[in-house]
Amino acid sequence: MFLFLDPSPVLAQTLLPHEILRETIAGNNSDAASTFIMASPVSLPDSPSTRSLKVVDKKFIITMATLAGAETLRLTTHQLVLVHEFAAGAPWVTSVPSNPRLVGKYAGIYAAELLVAYELKKSHSWLPGDRIVRKLWWAYPAAMVPIHIKNGVRSIRTQAPSCPPQECPSQ
């Protein structure tokens, strides 16, 4: 007994020989069933070059992690200065912002910086001068890391006022 799945002739003409799968199922005694299964053609997208797949590489991860560390240093030290000044009764600090609000705010800013760096590094066929733009993706993070570190160190070096806040002359 033979069972044939007969697809349309057009489909059979478009398939390559290696796409046709023959499977034989042994039955009882002398009965054997053969089934021909026609695989439908699968269209795959053109594979991108290996260079375009390398947007997130070691350099990208290290650069953006350095930027994240510098921003974290600045955020943490500035928050600590505000807490200590508020506790000391400094008149210029009226309240201390909550940690979740600050983390959410600065995480959003960092996410935007990360997205911009990713998009700059990624190749774009529609952009003239794309090679030059892609080479400059690291410029913003490299410029901002020293600025954030400098601000963080400045916050660490903040000293208490030389006079009590109530007696200090207003400036």
Protein backbone atom coordinates (compact mmCIF):
# COMPACT_ATOMS: atom_id res chain seq x y z
CA MET A 1 0.00 0.00 0.00
CA PHE A 2 1.43 3.39 -1.04
CA LEU A 3 0.29 6.76 0.16
CA PHE A 4 1.36 9.74 -1.93
CA LEU A 5 0.90 13.36 -1.01
CA ASP A 6 0.69 15.04 -4.38
CA PRO A 7 1.35 18.78 -4.16
CA SER A 8 0.67 21.10 -7.05
CA PRO A 9 3.01 20.73 -10.03
CA VAL A 10 4.14 24.34 -9.70
CA LEU A 11 5.40 23.73 -6.17
CA ALA A 12 7.14 20.52 -7.23
CA GLN A 13 9.00 22.37 -9.98
CA THR A 14 10.28 25.06 -7.61
CA LEU A 15 11.83 22.63 -5.12
CA LEU A 16 15.35 21.37 -5.25
CA PRO A 17 16.00 17.64 -4.97
CA HIS A 18 17.52 17.97 -1.50
CA GLU A 19 14.32 19.60 -0.26
CA ILE A 20 12.27 16.47 -0.90
CA LEU A 21 12.18 14.15 2.06
CA ARG A 22 11.32 10.50 1.69
CA GLU A 23 10.31 8.63 4.73
CA THR A 24 9.59 4.93 4.69
CA ILE A 25 7.43 3.42 7.36
CA ALA A 26 7.58 -0.33 7.70
CA GLY A 27 4.21 -1.93 8.36
CA ASN A 28 3.20 -5.44 9.24
CA ASN A 29 4.43 -8.42 7.14
CA SER A 30 4.53 -7.42 3.47
CA ASP A 31 2.77 -4.09 3.75
CA ALA A 32 4.98 -1.03 3.45
CA ALA A 33 3.87 2.52 3.19
CA SER A 34 5.94 5.18 1.52
CA THR A 35 5.21 8.80 2.14
CA PHE A 36 6.66 11.61 0.08
CA ILE A 37 6.66 14.91 1.88
CA MET A 38 7.40 18.02 -0.09
CA ALA A 39 9.10 20.74 1.93
CA SER A 40 7.94 24.24 1.12
CA PRO A 41 10.69 26.63 0.09
CA VAL A 42 11.84 28.92 2.86
CA SER A 43 13.03 32.38 1.95
CA LEU A 44 15.70 33.63 4.31
CA PRO A 45 16.76 37.25 4.51
CA ASP A 46 20.11 38.20 3.13
CA SER A 47 22.71 37.66 5.80
CA PRO A 48 24.33 40.88 6.96
CA SER A 49 28.05 41.16 6.83
CA THR A 50 29.94 40.22 9.95
CA ARG A 51 31.07 43.81 10.42
CA SER A 52 27.51 45.08 10.80
CA LEU A 53 26.85 42.50 13.50
CA LYS A 54 29.65 43.93 15.64
CA VAL A 55 27.83 46.98 17.03
CA VAL A 56 27.90 45.78 20.62
CA ASP A 57 31.47 44.59 21.01
CA LYS A 58 34.04 44.77 23.80
CA LYS A 59 34.91 48.40 23.08
CA PHE A 60 31.26 49.43 23.18
CA ILE A 61 30.59 47.58 26.43
CA ILE A 62 33.73 48.92 28.13
CA THR A 63 33.10 52.51 26.98
CA MET A 64 29.46 52.55 28.04
CA ALA A 65 30.22 50.76 31.33
CA THR A 66 32.85 53.40 32.09
CA LEU A 67 30.30 56.12 31.39
CA ALA A 68 27.78 54.37 33.66
CA GLY A 69 30.37 54.12 36.44
CA ALA A 70 31.29 57.79 36.15
CA GLU A 71 27.64 58.86 36.20
CA THR A 72 27.01 56.64 39.21
CA LEU A 73 29.95 58.21 41.05
CA ARG A 74 28.61 61.69 40.36
CA LEU A 75 25.03 60.79 41.32
CA THR A 76 26.01 59.01 44.54
CA THR A 77 28.41 61.64 45.80
CA HIS A 78 26.04 64.50 44.98
CA GLN A 79 23.21 62.70 46.79
CA LEU A 80 25.41 62.19 49.86
CA VAL A 81 26.39 65.88 49.90
CA LEU A 82 22.72 66.88 49.77
CA VAL A 83 21.85 64.49 52.61
CA HIS A 84 24.65 65.80 54.85
CA GLU A 85 23.90 69.45 54.10
CA PHE A 86 20.20 68.95 54.78
CA ALA A 87 20.99 67.15 58.05
CA ALA A 88 23.33 69.99 59.05
CA GLY A 89 20.54 72.51 58.47
CA ALA A 90 21.99 74.30 55.47
CA PRO A 91 19.47 76.91 54.33
CA TRP A 92 20.22 76.33 50.64
CA VAL A 93 19.02 72.71 50.83
CA THR A 94 15.26 72.71 51.40
CA SER A 95 14.69 68.99 50.75
CA VAL A 96 16.53 65.88 49.65
CA PRO A 97 15.18 64.15 46.55
CA SER A 98 14.24 60.49 47.00
CA ASN A 99 16.62 57.82 45.71
CA PRO A 100 14.11 56.05 43.41
CA ARG A 101 13.22 59.34 41.73
CA LEU A 102 16.87 60.19 41.10
CA VAL A 103 17.76 56.70 39.95
CA GLY A 104 14.80 56.68 37.54
CA LYS A 105 15.69 60.10 36.18
CA TYR A 106 19.38 59.35 35.62
CA ALA A 107 18.72 55.81 34.37
CA GLY A 108 16.52 57.32 31.67
CA ILE A 109 19.25 59.77 30.72
CA TYR A 110 21.82 56.97 30.58
CA ALA A 111 19.48 54.82 28.48
CA ALA A 112 19.16 57.69 26.00
CA GLU A 113 22.97 58.08 25.87
CA LEU A 114 23.33 54.33 25.32
CA LEU A 115 20.76 54.35 22.53
CA VAL A 116 22.39 57.31 20.78
CA ALA A 117 25.84 55.68 20.95
CA TYR A 118 24.38 52.41 19.62
CA GLU A 119 22.62 54.16 16.75
CA LEU A 120 25.75 56.14 15.87
CA LYS A 121 27.86 52.99 15.78
CA LYS A 122 25.33 51.03 13.72
CA SER A 123 25.63 51.30 9.93
CA HIS A 124 22.94 53.16 8.03
CA SER A 125 22.64 52.81 4.27
CA TRP A 126 20.63 56.03 3.96
CA LEU A 127 23.16 58.26 5.72
CA PRO A 128 25.82 59.94 3.56
CA GLY A 129 29.23 59.89 5.22
CA ASP A 130 28.16 56.98 7.40
CA ARG A 131 31.70 55.66 7.81
CA ILE A 132 32.86 58.89 9.45
CA VAL A 133 29.83 59.13 11.72
CA ARG A 134 30.23 55.51 12.84
CA LYS A 135 33.83 56.15 13.85
CA LEU A 136 32.80 59.00 16.18
CA TRP A 137 30.30 57.07 18.34
CA TRP A 138 32.71 57.10 21.29
CA ALA A 139 33.26 60.89 21.34
CA TYR A 140 30.36 61.79 23.66
CA PRO A 141 31.01 59.04 26.24
CA ALA A 142 34.74 59.81 26.20
CA ALA A 143 34.06 63.51 26.77
CA MET A 144 31.51 62.95 29.53
CA VAL A 145 33.48 60.44 31.63
CA PRO A 146 36.09 62.97 32.85
CA ILE A 147 33.38 65.56 33.48
CA HIS A 148 31.36 63.16 35.65
CA ILE A 149 34.47 61.99 37.51
CA LYS A 150 35.55 65.60 38.13
CA ASN A 151 32.09 66.46 39.50
CA GLY A 152 32.08 63.34 41.67
CA VAL A 153 35.52 64.10 43.12
CA ARG A 154 34.46 67.70 43.73
CA SER A 155 31.44 66.42 45.68
CA ILE A 156 33.68 64.08 47.69
CA ARG A 157 35.94 66.99 48.62
CA THR A 158 33.03 69.14 49.80
CA GLN A 159 33.71 70.32 53.32
CA ALA A 160 31.40 71.55 56.02
CA PRO A 161 31.04 75.34 56.23
CA SER A 162 33.53 77.11 58.51
CA CYS A 163 30.72 78.81 60.41
CA PRO A 164 27.38 77.42 61.60
CA PRO A 165 24.64 77.83 58.93
CA GLN A 166 22.62 80.22 61.14
CA GLU A 167 25.57 82.58 61.63
CA CYS A 168 26.96 82.50 58.07
CA PRO A 169 26.44 85.71 56.14
CA SER A 170 24.02 85.25 53.26
CA GLN A 171 25.65 85.53 49.88
